[in-house]
Amino acid sequence: MEEAIFVLVLLGIVSLIMMVVVAAVAGVAALCGASFPPVFLNGLWSLLLPPLFILYGWLYGRDRVVVNRVEIPSAGLPDAFDGYRIVHISDLHLRSFRGRDEVLRRIVDMVNAEHPDIIVFTGDLVTETPEEIPHFTGELSRMRAADGVLSVMGNHDYCPYNDWNSMEERMAAVAQVRESEKGLGWNLLDDDSFVVRRPSAAGEDSIAVIGVENISAMKQFETHGDLGKAMKGTGNCFKILLSHDPTHWRHEVTGKTDIALTLSGHTHNAQFSFMGLEPSRLVFRENSGLYREGEQYLYVNDGLGETMFPARIGVPAEITVLTLRKGR
């Protein structure tokens, strides 16, 4: 019911803006010698576009789930991990799935069908409070991978967007998010690392998956993480970083560390893309997909849930399958 009201209000606001734009265009046309009424009346057809886009995104677009497959070549990858498969998911925002249990069930089935070596979740399990989690624990705990499920905290997981009575109440909610995530059987990396080992011709090869608490180069998002602390003990391992906010990549990773691959989410690609128009590019330099600086890669996942408005227009929910490859 809340979502329906929100969508209706959004439709009203957008339609009003469109009507003002049409009136302005008709006014300019009248100044140039055209007749105002026919230009204005013909322009009113454009008022159909916002409802069609928004209703599509709400009723159909956000239920679409795509699997994007990406290969990451690296000369520094140990031989034993050539072909290692990582399933990357992000931004569940579990409030998004209220009344949509079948969609989350389908997502979990799609993840498991990839038979991944490891599953990584790059933050934002909730939107506002830990009360979003219990209903979905059964489904989320079904995810399986040979080397387990690793996760990190996103900015929403610190519960800053709810009206708490005190900081103590908020911190208790954050602790509950953490405990709930661990209760799923996931390995939550709070400024920590997880080393995966494989037998090799040399005896043993290893890669390190490093996870940081939320770190952002943007002041409107809280920073809690410590990359130096998270990297301790990883030595000369081939390194993969889980960091929710992609602005962290240029802020502290590229050219400053030997981290080969960073996996992020956070942007949702603004849940809107149309004919190459991606508003999220106005905010995030790396907003969606794969980026490279020298031998360092970043992948930004478009997420699975929604915030701000319950729709996805041209940006389906994403499951990413990354395959590591030896070589350039």
C-alpha atoms as a PDB file:
ATOM      1  CA  MET A   1       0.000   0.000   0.000  1.00  0.00           C
ATOM      2  CA  GLU A   2       2.847   2.410   0.882  1.00  0.00           C
ATOM      3  CA  GLU A   3       4.519   1.694  -2.443  1.00  0.00           C
ATOM      4  CA  ALA A   4       1.299   2.307  -4.383  1.00  0.00           C
ATOM      5  CA  ILE A   5       0.796   5.651  -2.635  1.00  0.00           C
ATOM      6  CA  PHE A   6       4.409   6.614  -3.307  1.00  0.00           C
ATOM      7  CA  VAL A   7       4.116   5.726  -6.995  1.00  0.00           C
ATOM      8  CA  LEU A   8       0.868   7.690  -7.355  1.00  0.00           C
ATOM      9  CA  VAL A   9       2.383  10.748  -5.672  1.00  0.00           C
ATOM     10  CA  LEU A  10       5.484  10.462  -7.875  1.00  0.00           C
ATOM     11  CA  LEU A  11       3.314  10.210 -10.973  1.00  0.00           C
ATOM     12  CA  GLY A  12       1.444  13.344  -9.927  1.00  0.00           C
ATOM     13  CA  ILE A  13       4.635  15.330  -9.335  1.00  0.00           C
ATOM     14  CA  VAL A  14       6.275  14.236 -12.602  1.00  0.00           C
ATOM     15  CA  SER A  15       3.081  14.894 -14.576  1.00  0.00           C
ATOM     16  CA  LEU A  16       2.829  18.380 -13.080  1.00  0.00           C
ATOM     17  CA  ILE A  17       6.441  19.103 -14.044  1.00  0.00           C
ATOM     18  CA  MET A  18       5.777  17.832 -17.559  1.00  0.00           C
ATOM     19  CA  MET A  19       2.680  20.050 -17.854  1.00  0.00           C
ATOM     20  CA  VAL A  20       4.738  23.096 -16.854  1.00  0.00           C
ATOM     21  CA  VAL A  21       7.360  22.172 -19.458  1.00  0.00           C
ATOM     22  CA  VAL A  22       4.687  21.744 -22.159  1.00  0.00           C
ATOM     23  CA  ALA A  23       3.141  25.103 -21.245  1.00  0.00           C
ATOM     24  CA  ALA A  24       6.564  26.765 -21.412  1.00  0.00           C
ATOM     25  CA  VAL A  25       7.261  25.257 -24.838  1.00  0.00           C
ATOM     26  CA  ALA A  26       3.841  26.342 -26.091  1.00  0.00           C
ATOM     27  CA  GLY A  27       4.490  29.822 -24.716  1.00  0.00           C
ATOM     28  CA  VAL A  28       7.803  30.079 -26.563  1.00  0.00           C
ATOM     29  CA  ALA A  29       6.101  28.805 -29.719  1.00  0.00           C
ATOM     30  CA  ALA A  30       3.404  31.488 -29.332  1.00  0.00           C
ATOM     31  CA  LEU A  31       6.093  34.183 -29.068  1.00  0.00           C
ATOM     32  CA  CYS A  32       7.474  32.882 -32.348  1.00  0.00           C
ATOM     33  CA  GLY A  33       4.107  33.255 -34.087  1.00  0.00           C
ATOM     34  CA  ALA A  34       2.485  29.868 -33.490  1.00  0.00           C
ATOM     35  CA  SER A  35      -0.897  29.435 -31.821  1.00  0.00           C
ATOM     36  CA  PHE A  36      -0.621  28.521 -28.130  1.00  0.00           C
ATOM     37  CA  PRO A  37      -3.685  26.185 -27.793  1.00  0.00           C
ATOM     38  CA  PRO A  38      -2.801  23.589 -30.486  1.00  0.00           C
ATOM     39  CA  VAL A  39       0.860  23.416 -29.434  1.00  0.00           C
ATOM     40  CA  PHE A  40      -0.135  23.001 -25.778  1.00  0.00           C
ATOM     41  CA  LEU A  41      -2.843  20.402 -26.513  1.00  0.00           C
ATOM     42  CA  ASN A  42      -0.540  18.349 -28.754  1.00  0.00           C
ATOM     43  CA  GLY A  43       2.160  18.537 -26.113  1.00  0.00           C
ATOM     44  CA  LEU A  44      -0.156  17.032 -23.521  1.00  0.00           C
ATOM     45  CA  TRP A  45       0.392  13.653 -25.163  1.00  0.00           C
ATOM     46  CA  SER A  46       3.841  13.700 -23.552  1.00  0.00           C
ATOM     47  CA  LEU A  47       2.136  13.451 -20.158  1.00  0.00           C
ATOM     48  CA  LEU A  48       1.543   9.780 -20.941  1.00  0.00           C
ATOM     49  CA  LEU A  49       5.274   9.039 -20.932  1.00  0.00           C
ATOM     50  CA  PRO A  50       6.048   9.398 -17.188  1.00  0.00           C
ATOM     51  CA  PRO A  51       3.169   7.129 -16.079  1.00  0.00           C
ATOM     52  CA  LEU A  52       4.128   4.517 -18.664  1.00  0.00           C
ATOM     53  CA  PHE A  53       7.799   4.549 -17.643  1.00  0.00           C
ATOM     54  CA  ILE A  54       7.120   4.501 -13.909  1.00  0.00           C
ATOM     55  CA  LEU A  55       4.383   1.869 -14.049  1.00  0.00           C
ATOM     56  CA  TYR A  56       6.603  -0.342 -16.229  1.00  0.00           C
ATOM     57  CA  GLY A  57       9.492   0.014 -13.785  1.00  0.00           C
ATOM     58  CA  TRP A  58       7.276  -0.699 -10.789  1.00  0.00           C
ATOM     59  CA  LEU A  59       5.149  -3.554 -12.112  1.00  0.00           C
ATOM     60  CA  TYR A  60       7.698  -5.287 -14.361  1.00  0.00           C
ATOM     61  CA  GLY A  61      11.129  -3.659 -14.526  1.00  0.00           C
ATOM     62  CA  ARG A  62      12.210  -4.354 -10.965  1.00  0.00           C
ATOM     63  CA  ASP A  63      11.295  -8.033 -11.257  1.00  0.00           C
ATOM     64  CA  ARG A  64      13.740  -8.509 -14.135  1.00  0.00           C
ATOM     65  CA  VAL A  65      16.987 -10.152 -13.045  1.00  0.00           C
ATOM     66  CA  VAL A  66      19.958 -10.468 -15.393  1.00  0.00           C
ATOM     67  CA  VAL A  67      23.185 -12.429 -15.096  1.00  0.00           C
ATOM     68  CA  ASN A  68      26.157 -10.470 -16.415  1.00  0.00           C
ATOM     69  CA  ARG A  69      29.303 -12.486 -17.134  1.00  0.00           C
ATOM     70  CA  VAL A  70      32.702 -10.812 -16.975  1.00  0.00           C
ATOM     71  CA  GLU A  71      36.244 -12.164 -17.331  1.00  0.00           C
ATOM     72  CA  ILE A  72      39.040 -10.522 -15.335  1.00  0.00           C
ATOM     73  CA  PRO A  73      42.502 -11.236 -16.783  1.00  0.00           C
ATOM     74  CA  SER A  74      45.552 -10.698 -14.612  1.00  0.00           C
ATOM     75  CA  ALA A  75      49.185 -11.689 -15.013  1.00  0.00           C
ATOM     76  CA  GLY A  76      49.476 -11.848 -11.231  1.00  0.00           C
ATOM     77  CA  LEU A  77      46.743 -14.444 -10.739  1.00  0.00           C
ATOM     78  CA  PRO A  78      48.090 -17.710  -9.273  1.00  0.00           C
ATOM     79  CA  ASP A  79      47.803 -20.632 -11.695  1.00  0.00           C
ATOM     80  CA  ALA A  80      45.505 -22.613  -9.404  1.00  0.00           C
ATOM     81  CA  PHE A  81      42.863 -19.852  -9.613  1.00  0.00           C
ATOM     82  CA  ASP A  82      42.676 -19.633 -13.388  1.00  0.00           C
ATOM     83  CA  GLY A  83      38.939 -20.010 -14.033  1.00  0.00           C
ATOM     84  CA  TYR A  84      37.908 -19.196 -10.437  1.00  0.00           C
ATOM     85  CA  ARG A  85      34.252 -18.102 -10.463  1.00  0.00           C
ATOM     86  CA  ILE A  86      32.929 -15.336  -8.226  1.00  0.00           C
ATOM     87  CA  VAL A  87      29.229 -14.526  -8.005  1.00  0.00           C
ATOM     88  CA  HIS A  88      28.845 -10.886  -6.997  1.00  0.00           C
ATOM     89  CA  ILE A  89      25.553  -9.520  -5.651  1.00  0.00           C
ATOM     90  CA  SER A  90      24.825  -6.238  -3.898  1.00  0.00           C
ATOM     91  CA  ASP A  91      22.235  -3.874  -2.438  1.00  0.00           C
ATOM     92  CA  LEU A  92      19.417  -6.220  -1.498  1.00  0.00           C
ATOM     93  CA  HIS A  93      17.542  -3.536   0.484  1.00  0.00           C
ATOM     94  CA  LEU A  94      15.266  -6.241   1.814  1.00  0.00           C
ATOM     95  CA  ARG A  95      12.365  -3.840   2.289  1.00  0.00           C
ATOM     96  CA  SER A  96      12.186  -3.917  -1.536  1.00  0.00           C
ATOM     97  CA  PHE A  97      11.060  -7.541  -1.461  1.00  0.00           C
ATOM     98  CA  ARG A  98       8.045  -7.193   0.815  1.00  0.00           C
ATOM     99  CA  GLY A  99       5.246  -8.987  -0.990  1.00  0.00           C
ATOM    100  CA  ARG A 100       7.748 -10.188  -3.620  1.00  0.00           C
ATOM    101  CA  ASP A 101       9.079 -13.350  -1.979  1.00  0.00           C
ATOM    102  CA  GLU A 102       9.028 -15.232  -5.268  1.00  0.00           C
ATOM    103  CA  VAL A 103      11.458 -12.740  -6.821  1.00  0.00           C
ATOM    104  CA  LEU A 104      14.016 -13.211  -4.039  1.00  0.00           C
ATOM    105  CA  ARG A 105      13.555 -16.972  -4.274  1.00  0.00           C
ATOM    106  CA  ARG A 106      14.300 -16.781  -7.996  1.00  0.00           C
ATOM    107  CA  ILE A 107      17.422 -14.692  -7.332  1.00  0.00           C
ATOM    108  CA  VAL A 108      18.778 -17.248  -4.857  1.00  0.00           C
ATOM    109  CA  ASP A 109      18.038 -20.080  -7.300  1.00  0.00           C
ATOM    110  CA  MET A 110      19.873 -18.184 -10.080  1.00  0.00           C
ATOM    111  CA  VAL A 111      22.896 -17.619  -7.831  1.00  0.00           C
ATOM    112  CA  ASN A 112      23.077 -21.274  -6.837  1.00  0.00           C
ATOM    113  CA  ALA A 113      22.621 -22.406 -10.453  1.00  0.00           C
ATOM    114  CA  GLU A 114      25.968 -20.793 -11.282  1.00  0.00           C
ATOM    115  CA  HIS A 115      27.770 -23.246  -8.952  1.00  0.00           C
ATOM    116  CA  PRO A 116      30.190 -20.490  -7.875  1.00  0.00           C
ATOM    117  CA  ASP A 117      33.493 -20.996  -6.156  1.00  0.00           C
ATOM    118  CA  ILE A 118      32.591 -18.088  -3.884  1.00  0.00           C
ATOM    119  CA  ILE A 119      29.692 -15.648  -3.418  1.00  0.00           C
ATOM    120  CA  VAL A 120      30.340 -12.051  -2.378  1.00  0.00           C
ATOM    121  CA  PHE A 121      27.768  -9.504  -1.208  1.00  0.00           C
ATOM    122  CA  THR A 122      28.898  -5.873  -1.227  1.00  0.00           C
ATOM    123  CA  GLY A 123      26.542  -4.317   1.280  1.00  0.00           C
ATOM    124  CA  ASP A 124      23.158  -2.726   1.978  1.00  0.00           C
ATOM    125  CA  LEU A 125      21.261  -5.714   3.268  1.00  0.00           C
ATOM    126  CA  VAL A 126      18.627  -3.354   4.697  1.00  0.00           C
ATOM    127  CA  THR A 127      17.223   0.052   3.824  1.00  0.00           C
ATOM    128  CA  GLU A 128      16.351   1.421   7.268  1.00  0.00           C
ATOM    129  CA  THR A 129      16.126  -1.123  10.094  1.00  0.00           C
ATOM    130  CA  PRO A 130      17.057  -4.722  10.942  1.00  0.00           C
ATOM    131  CA  GLU A 131      13.348  -5.581  11.138  1.00  0.00           C
ATOM    132  CA  GLU A 132      13.516  -6.045   7.366  1.00  0.00           C
ATOM    133  CA  ILE A 133      15.665  -9.175   7.714  1.00  0.00           C
ATOM    134  CA  PRO A 134      13.859 -11.964   9.652  1.00  0.00           C
ATOM    135  CA  HIS A 135      11.198 -12.694   7.031  1.00  0.00           C
ATOM    136  CA  PHE A 136      13.884 -13.462   4.428  1.00  0.00           C
ATOM    137  CA  THR A 137      16.475 -15.388   6.439  1.00  0.00           C
ATOM    138  CA  GLY A 138      15.271 -18.753   5.157  1.00  0.00           C
ATOM    139  CA  GLU A 139      15.755 -17.781   1.525  1.00  0.00           C
ATOM    140  CA  LEU A 140      19.066 -15.962   1.962  1.00  0.00           C
ATOM    141  CA  SER A 141      20.612 -18.776   3.976  1.00  0.00           C
ATOM    142  CA  ARG A 142      20.077 -21.111   0.993  1.00  0.00           C
ATOM    143  CA  MET A 143      22.907 -19.540  -0.998  1.00  0.00           C
ATOM    144  CA  ARG A 144      25.788 -21.970  -1.426  1.00  0.00           C
ATOM    145  CA  ALA A 145      29.319 -21.758  -2.789  1.00  0.00           C
ATOM    146  CA  ALA A 146      32.399 -23.953  -2.469  1.00  0.00           C
ATOM    147  CA  ASP A 147      34.275 -21.303  -0.462  1.00  0.00           C
ATOM    148  CA  GLY A 148      31.226 -19.792   1.225  1.00  0.00           C
ATOM    149  CA  VAL A 149      29.500 -16.411   1.188  1.00  0.00           C
ATOM    150  CA  LEU A 150      31.488 -13.293   2.111  1.00  0.00           C
ATOM    151  CA  SER A 151      29.930  -9.902   2.797  1.00  0.00           C
ATOM    152  CA  VAL A 152      30.590  -6.333   3.903  1.00  0.00           C
ATOM    153  CA  MET A 153      28.512  -3.518   5.350  1.00  0.00           C
ATOM    154  CA  GLY A 154      26.977  -0.820   3.160  1.00  0.00           C
ATOM    155  CA  ASN A 155      25.971   2.707   4.164  1.00  0.00           C
ATOM    156  CA  HIS A 156      22.340   1.683   4.798  1.00  0.00           C
ATOM    157  CA  ASP A 157      23.453  -1.149   7.090  1.00  0.00           C
ATOM    158  CA  TYR A 158      24.504   1.473   9.653  1.00  0.00           C
ATOM    159  CA  CYS A 159      20.814   2.442   9.832  1.00  0.00           C
ATOM    160  CA  PRO A 160      21.326   6.232   9.476  1.00  0.00           C
ATOM    161  CA  TYR A 161      18.052   6.888   7.659  1.00  0.00           C
ATOM    162  CA  ASN A 162      15.627   5.990  10.446  1.00  0.00           C
ATOM    163  CA  ASP A 163      14.388   8.321  13.178  1.00  0.00           C
ATOM    164  CA  TRP A 164      16.038   6.756  16.239  1.00  0.00           C
ATOM    165  CA  ASN A 165      15.417   7.954  19.789  1.00  0.00           C
ATOM    166  CA  SER A 166      19.131   7.870  20.584  1.00  0.00           C
ATOM    167  CA  MET A 167      22.521   6.921  19.178  1.00  0.00           C
ATOM    168  CA  GLU A 168      22.525   3.929  21.517  1.00  0.00           C
ATOM    169  CA  GLU A 169      19.304   2.676  19.907  1.00  0.00           C
ATOM    170  CA  ARG A 170      20.810   3.099  16.456  1.00  0.00           C
ATOM    171  CA  MET A 171      24.014   1.265  17.426  1.00  0.00           C
ATOM    172  CA  ALA A 172      21.923  -1.600  18.793  1.00  0.00           C
ATOM    173  CA  ALA A 173      20.167  -1.789  15.423  1.00  0.00           C
ATOM    174  CA  VAL A 174      23.526  -1.894  13.601  1.00  0.00           C
ATOM    175  CA  ALA A 175      24.672  -4.714  15.878  1.00  0.00           C
ATOM    176  CA  GLN A 176      21.455  -6.558  15.054  1.00  0.00           C
ATOM    177  CA  VAL A 177      22.119  -6.183  11.316  1.00  0.00           C
ATOM    178  CA  ARG A 178      25.576  -7.657  11.836  1.00  0.00           C
ATOM    179  CA  GLU A 179      24.346 -10.571  13.909  1.00  0.00           C
ATOM    180  CA  SER A 180      21.529 -11.304  11.467  1.00  0.00           C
ATOM    181  CA  GLU A 181      23.980 -11.361   8.571  1.00  0.00           C
ATOM    182  CA  LYS A 182      26.277 -13.760  10.388  1.00  0.00           C
ATOM    183  CA  GLY A 183      23.209 -15.829  11.255  1.00  0.00           C
ATOM    184  CA  LEU A 184      22.668 -16.406   7.546  1.00  0.00           C
ATOM    185  CA  GLY A 185      25.949 -18.325   7.527  1.00  0.00           C
ATOM    186  CA  TRP A 186      27.751 -15.491   5.750  1.00  0.00           C
ATOM    187  CA  ASN A 187      31.285 -14.462   6.652  1.00  0.00           C
ATOM    188  CA  LEU A 188      30.963 -10.724   7.385  1.00  0.00           C
ATOM    189  CA  LEU A 189      34.317  -9.027   6.791  1.00  0.00           C
ATOM    190  CA  ASP A 190      34.523  -5.946   9.011  1.00  0.00           C
ATOM    191  CA  ASP A 191      37.968  -4.627   8.025  1.00  0.00           C
ATOM    192  CA  ASP A 192      39.208  -8.180   7.734  1.00  0.00           C
ATOM    193  CA  SER A 193      40.314 -10.657   5.087  1.00  0.00           C
ATOM    194  CA  PHE A 194      39.596 -14.220   4.026  1.00  0.00           C
ATOM    195  CA  VAL A 195      42.327 -16.284   2.356  1.00  0.00           C
ATOM    196  CA  VAL A 196      41.346 -18.972  -0.153  1.00  0.00           C
ATOM    197  CA  ARG A 197      43.923 -21.700  -0.785  1.00  0.00           C
ATOM    198  CA  ARG A 198      44.282 -24.211  -3.594  1.00  0.00           C
ATOM    199  CA  PRO A 199      46.894 -26.947  -4.161  1.00  0.00           C
ATOM    200  CA  SER A 200      49.251 -26.199  -7.031  1.00  0.00           C
ATOM    201  CA  ALA A 201      52.403 -27.459  -8.723  1.00  0.00           C
ATOM    202  CA  ALA A 202      54.365 -25.191  -6.380  1.00  0.00           C
ATOM    203  CA  GLY A 203      52.573 -26.652  -3.362  1.00  0.00           C
ATOM    204  CA  GLU A 204      49.840 -24.147  -2.609  1.00  0.00           C
ATOM    205  CA  ASP A 205      48.427 -20.999  -4.231  1.00  0.00           C
ATOM    206  CA  SER A 206      46.268 -18.440  -2.453  1.00  0.00           C
ATOM    207  CA  ILE A 207      44.169 -15.342  -3.014  1.00  0.00           C
ATOM    208  CA  ALA A 208      42.962 -12.913  -0.355  1.00  0.00           C
ATOM    209  CA  VAL A 209      39.450 -11.464  -0.306  1.00  0.00           C
ATOM    210  CA  ILE A 210      39.564  -8.244   1.720  1.00  0.00           C
ATOM    211  CA  GLY A 211      36.447  -6.624   3.128  1.00  0.00           C
ATOM    212  CA  VAL A 212      36.101  -3.110   4.523  1.00  0.00           C
ATOM    213  CA  GLU A 213      33.336  -1.384   6.382  1.00  0.00           C
ATOM    214  CA  ASN A 214      31.798   1.431   4.362  1.00  0.00           C
ATOM    215  CA  ILE A 215      34.343   3.943   3.026  1.00  0.00           C
ATOM    216  CA  SER A 216      33.226   6.820   0.816  1.00  0.00           C
ATOM    217  CA  ALA A 217      34.933   9.792  -0.799  1.00  0.00           C
ATOM    218  CA  MET A 218      31.581  11.631  -0.631  1.00  0.00           C
ATOM    219  CA  LYS A 219      30.767  13.580   2.532  1.00  0.00           C
ATOM    220  CA  GLN A 220      27.063  12.684   2.526  1.00  0.00           C
ATOM    221  CA  PHE A 221      27.918   9.024   3.173  1.00  0.00           C
ATOM    222  CA  GLU A 222      29.487   7.857   6.428  1.00  0.00           C
ATOM    223  CA  THR A 223      32.954   6.319   6.461  1.00  0.00           C
ATOM    224  CA  HIS A 224      33.650   3.577   8.997  1.00  0.00           C
ATOM    225  CA  GLY A 225      36.291   1.376   7.393  1.00  0.00           C
ATOM    226  CA  ASP A 226      40.053   1.016   7.675  1.00  0.00           C
ATOM    227  CA  LEU A 227      41.670  -0.425   4.543  1.00  0.00           C
ATOM    228  CA  GLY A 228      45.105  -0.739   6.146  1.00  0.00           C
ATOM    229  CA  LYS A 229      43.699  -2.826   8.956  1.00  0.00           C
ATOM    230  CA  ALA A 230      41.738  -4.983   6.512  1.00  0.00           C
ATOM    231  CA  MET A 231      44.851  -5.727   4.432  1.00  0.00           C
ATOM    232  CA  LYS A 232      47.019  -6.860   7.337  1.00  0.00           C
ATOM    233  CA  GLY A 233      48.306 -10.369   6.893  1.00  0.00           C
ATOM    234  CA  THR A 234      47.519 -10.573   3.171  1.00  0.00           C
ATOM    235  CA  GLY A 235      51.155 -10.121   2.144  1.00  0.00           C
ATOM    236  CA  ASN A 236      51.861 -10.829  -1.510  1.00  0.00           C
ATOM    237  CA  CYS A 237      48.553 -12.594  -2.117  1.00  0.00           C
ATOM    238  CA  PHE A 238      46.503 -11.790  -5.186  1.00  0.00           C
ATOM    239  CA  LYS A 239      43.987  -9.392  -3.655  1.00  0.00           C
ATOM    240  CA  ILE A 240      40.275  -8.824  -4.207  1.00  0.00           C
ATOM    241  CA  LEU A 241      38.579  -6.006  -2.285  1.00  0.00           C
ATOM    242  CA  LEU A 242      34.917  -5.849  -1.275  1.00  0.00           C
ATOM    243  CA  SER A 243      34.027  -2.186  -0.718  1.00  0.00           C
ATOM    244  CA  HIS A 244      30.429  -1.017  -0.937  1.00  0.00           C
ATOM    245  CA  ASP A 245      31.020   2.490  -2.301  1.00  0.00           C
ATOM    246  CA  PRO A 246      32.873   2.681  -5.661  1.00  0.00           C
ATOM    247  CA  THR A 247      34.290   6.143  -4.853  1.00  0.00           C
ATOM    248  CA  HIS A 248      36.623   4.311  -2.467  1.00  0.00           C
ATOM    249  CA  TRP A 249      38.458   2.854  -5.487  1.00  0.00           C
ATOM    250  CA  ARG A 250      40.017   6.124  -6.680  1.00  0.00           C
ATOM    251  CA  HIS A 251      40.129   7.565  -3.180  1.00  0.00           C
ATOM    252  CA  GLU A 252      42.342   4.897  -1.613  1.00  0.00           C
ATOM    253  CA  VAL A 253      42.927   1.893  -3.884  1.00  0.00           C
ATOM    254  CA  THR A 254      44.173   2.738  -7.389  1.00  0.00           C
ATOM    255  CA  GLY A 255      47.874   3.532  -7.510  1.00  0.00           C
ATOM    256  CA  LYS A 256      48.143   3.180  -3.734  1.00  0.00           C
ATOM    257  CA  THR A 257      47.723  -0.560  -3.221  1.00  0.00           C
ATOM    258  CA  ASP A 258      48.354  -3.819  -5.069  1.00  0.00           C
ATOM    259  CA  ILE A 259      44.655  -4.765  -4.984  1.00  0.00           C
ATOM    260  CA  ALA A 260      43.902  -6.300  -8.382  1.00  0.00           C
ATOM    261  CA  LEU A 261      40.094  -6.289  -8.309  1.00  0.00           C
ATOM    262  CA  THR A 262      37.606  -4.187  -6.344  1.00  0.00           C
ATOM    263  CA  LEU A 263      33.916  -5.115  -6.195  1.00  0.00           C
ATOM    264  CA  SER A 264      31.331  -2.488  -5.255  1.00  0.00           C
ATOM    265  CA  GLY A 265      27.638  -1.622  -5.486  1.00  0.00           C
ATOM    266  CA  HIS A 266      25.879   1.382  -3.942  1.00  0.00           C
ATOM    267  CA  THR A 267      24.910   3.358  -7.069  1.00  0.00           C
ATOM    268  CA  HIS A 268      22.059   1.124  -8.371  1.00  0.00           C
ATOM    269  CA  ASN A 269      22.873   3.012 -11.596  1.00  0.00           C
ATOM    270  CA  ALA A 270      20.104   5.295 -10.247  1.00  0.00           C
ATOM    271  CA  GLN A 271      17.629   2.541 -11.265  1.00  0.00           C
ATOM    272  CA  PHE A 272      17.184   4.440 -14.530  1.00  0.00           C
ATOM    273  CA  SER A 273      18.803   4.182 -17.949  1.00  0.00           C
ATOM    274  CA  PHE A 274      17.214   5.152 -21.244  1.00  0.00           C
ATOM    275  CA  MET A 275      18.884   5.329 -24.669  1.00  0.00           C
ATOM    276  CA  GLY A 276      22.304   5.819 -23.101  1.00  0.00           C
ATOM    277  CA  LEU A 277      21.064   8.402 -20.591  1.00  0.00           C
ATOM    278  CA  GLU A 278      22.294   7.416 -17.110  1.00  0.00           C
ATOM    279  CA  PRO A 279      21.697  10.133 -14.496  1.00  0.00           C
ATOM    280  CA  SER A 280      23.955   8.301 -12.031  1.00  0.00           C
ATOM    281  CA  ARG A 281      26.946   9.412 -14.116  1.00  0.00           C
ATOM    282  CA  LEU A 282      26.312  12.942 -12.875  1.00  0.00           C
ATOM    283  CA  VAL A 283      27.141  11.753  -9.346  1.00  0.00           C
ATOM    284  CA  PHE A 284      29.485   8.789  -9.731  1.00  0.00           C
ATOM    285  CA  ARG A 285      32.496   8.668 -12.052  1.00  0.00           C
ATOM    286  CA  GLU A 286      32.270   4.878 -11.902  1.00  0.00           C
ATOM    287  CA  ASN A 287      28.546   4.217 -11.827  1.00  0.00           C
ATOM    288  CA  SER A 288      27.970   0.795 -13.404  1.00  0.00           C
ATOM    289  CA  GLY A 289      29.958  -2.088 -14.870  1.00  0.00           C
ATOM    290  CA  LEU A 290      33.687  -2.683 -15.348  1.00  0.00           C
ATOM    291  CA  TYR A 291      36.486  -0.086 -15.083  1.00  0.00           C
ATOM    292  CA  ARG A 292      40.245  -0.389 -15.340  1.00  0.00           C
ATOM    293  CA  GLU A 293      43.246   1.674 -14.321  1.00  0.00           C
ATOM    294  CA  GLY A 294      46.502  -0.003 -15.335  1.00  0.00           C
ATOM    295  CA  GLU A 295      46.325  -3.515 -13.900  1.00  0.00           C
ATOM    296  CA  GLN A 296      43.623  -2.662 -11.347  1.00  0.00           C
ATOM    297  CA  TYR A 297      39.953  -3.361 -11.996  1.00  0.00           C
ATOM    298  CA  LEU A 298      36.695  -2.159 -10.470  1.00  0.00           C
ATOM    299  CA  TYR A 299      33.282  -3.715 -11.019  1.00  0.00           C
ATOM    300  CA  VAL A 300      30.173  -1.806  -9.917  1.00  0.00           C
ATOM    301  CA  ASN A 301      27.116  -4.035  -9.543  1.00  0.00           C
ATOM    302  CA  ASP A 302      23.690  -2.445 -10.183  1.00  0.00           C
ATOM    303  CA  GLY A 303      22.178  -4.157  -7.153  1.00  0.00           C
ATOM    304  CA  LEU A 304      19.084  -6.256  -6.556  1.00  0.00           C
ATOM    305  CA  GLY A 305      16.750  -4.037  -4.519  1.00  0.00           C
ATOM    306  CA  GLU A 306      15.624  -0.422  -4.693  1.00  0.00           C
ATOM    307  CA  THR A 307      15.733   2.782  -2.688  1.00  0.00           C
ATOM    308  CA  MET A 308      14.099   6.175  -3.241  1.00  0.00           C
ATOM    309  CA  PHE A 309      11.433   4.803  -5.589  1.00  0.00           C
ATOM    310  CA  PRO A 310      10.244   1.187  -6.029  1.00  0.00           C
ATOM    311  CA  ALA A 311      11.028   0.831  -9.728  1.00  0.00           C
ATOM    312  CA  ARG A 312      13.799  -0.037 -12.158  1.00  0.00           C
ATOM    313  CA  ILE A 313      13.651   1.508 -15.613  1.00  0.00           C
ATOM    314  CA  GLY A 314      16.251   0.144 -18.010  1.00  0.00           C
ATOM    315  CA  VAL A 315      18.391  -1.086 -15.101  1.00  0.00           C
ATOM    316  CA  PRO A 316      17.416  -4.662 -14.180  1.00  0.00           C
ATOM    317  CA  ALA A 317      18.495  -6.285 -10.945  1.00  0.00           C
ATOM    318  CA  GLU A 318      21.961  -7.755 -11.444  1.00  0.00           C
ATOM    319  CA  ILE A 319      23.831 -10.929 -10.601  1.00  0.00           C
ATOM    320  CA  THR A 320      27.438 -10.734 -11.789  1.00  0.00           C
ATOM    321  CA  VAL A 321      29.543 -13.799 -12.525  1.00  0.00           C
ATOM    322  CA  LEU A 322      33.236 -12.878 -12.624  1.00  0.00           C
ATOM    323  CA  THR A 323      35.740 -15.416 -13.890  1.00  0.00           C
ATOM    324  CA  LEU A 324      39.402 -14.851 -13.048  1.00  0.00           C
ATOM    325  CA  ARG A 325      41.823 -15.591 -15.860  1.00  0.00           C
ATOM    326  CA  LYS A 326      45.593 -15.951 -15.840  1.00  0.00           C
ATOM    327  CA  GLY A 327      47.223 -13.564 -18.293  1.00  0.00           C
ATOM    328  CA  ARG A 328      46.877 -10.052 -19.672  1.00  0.00           C
END
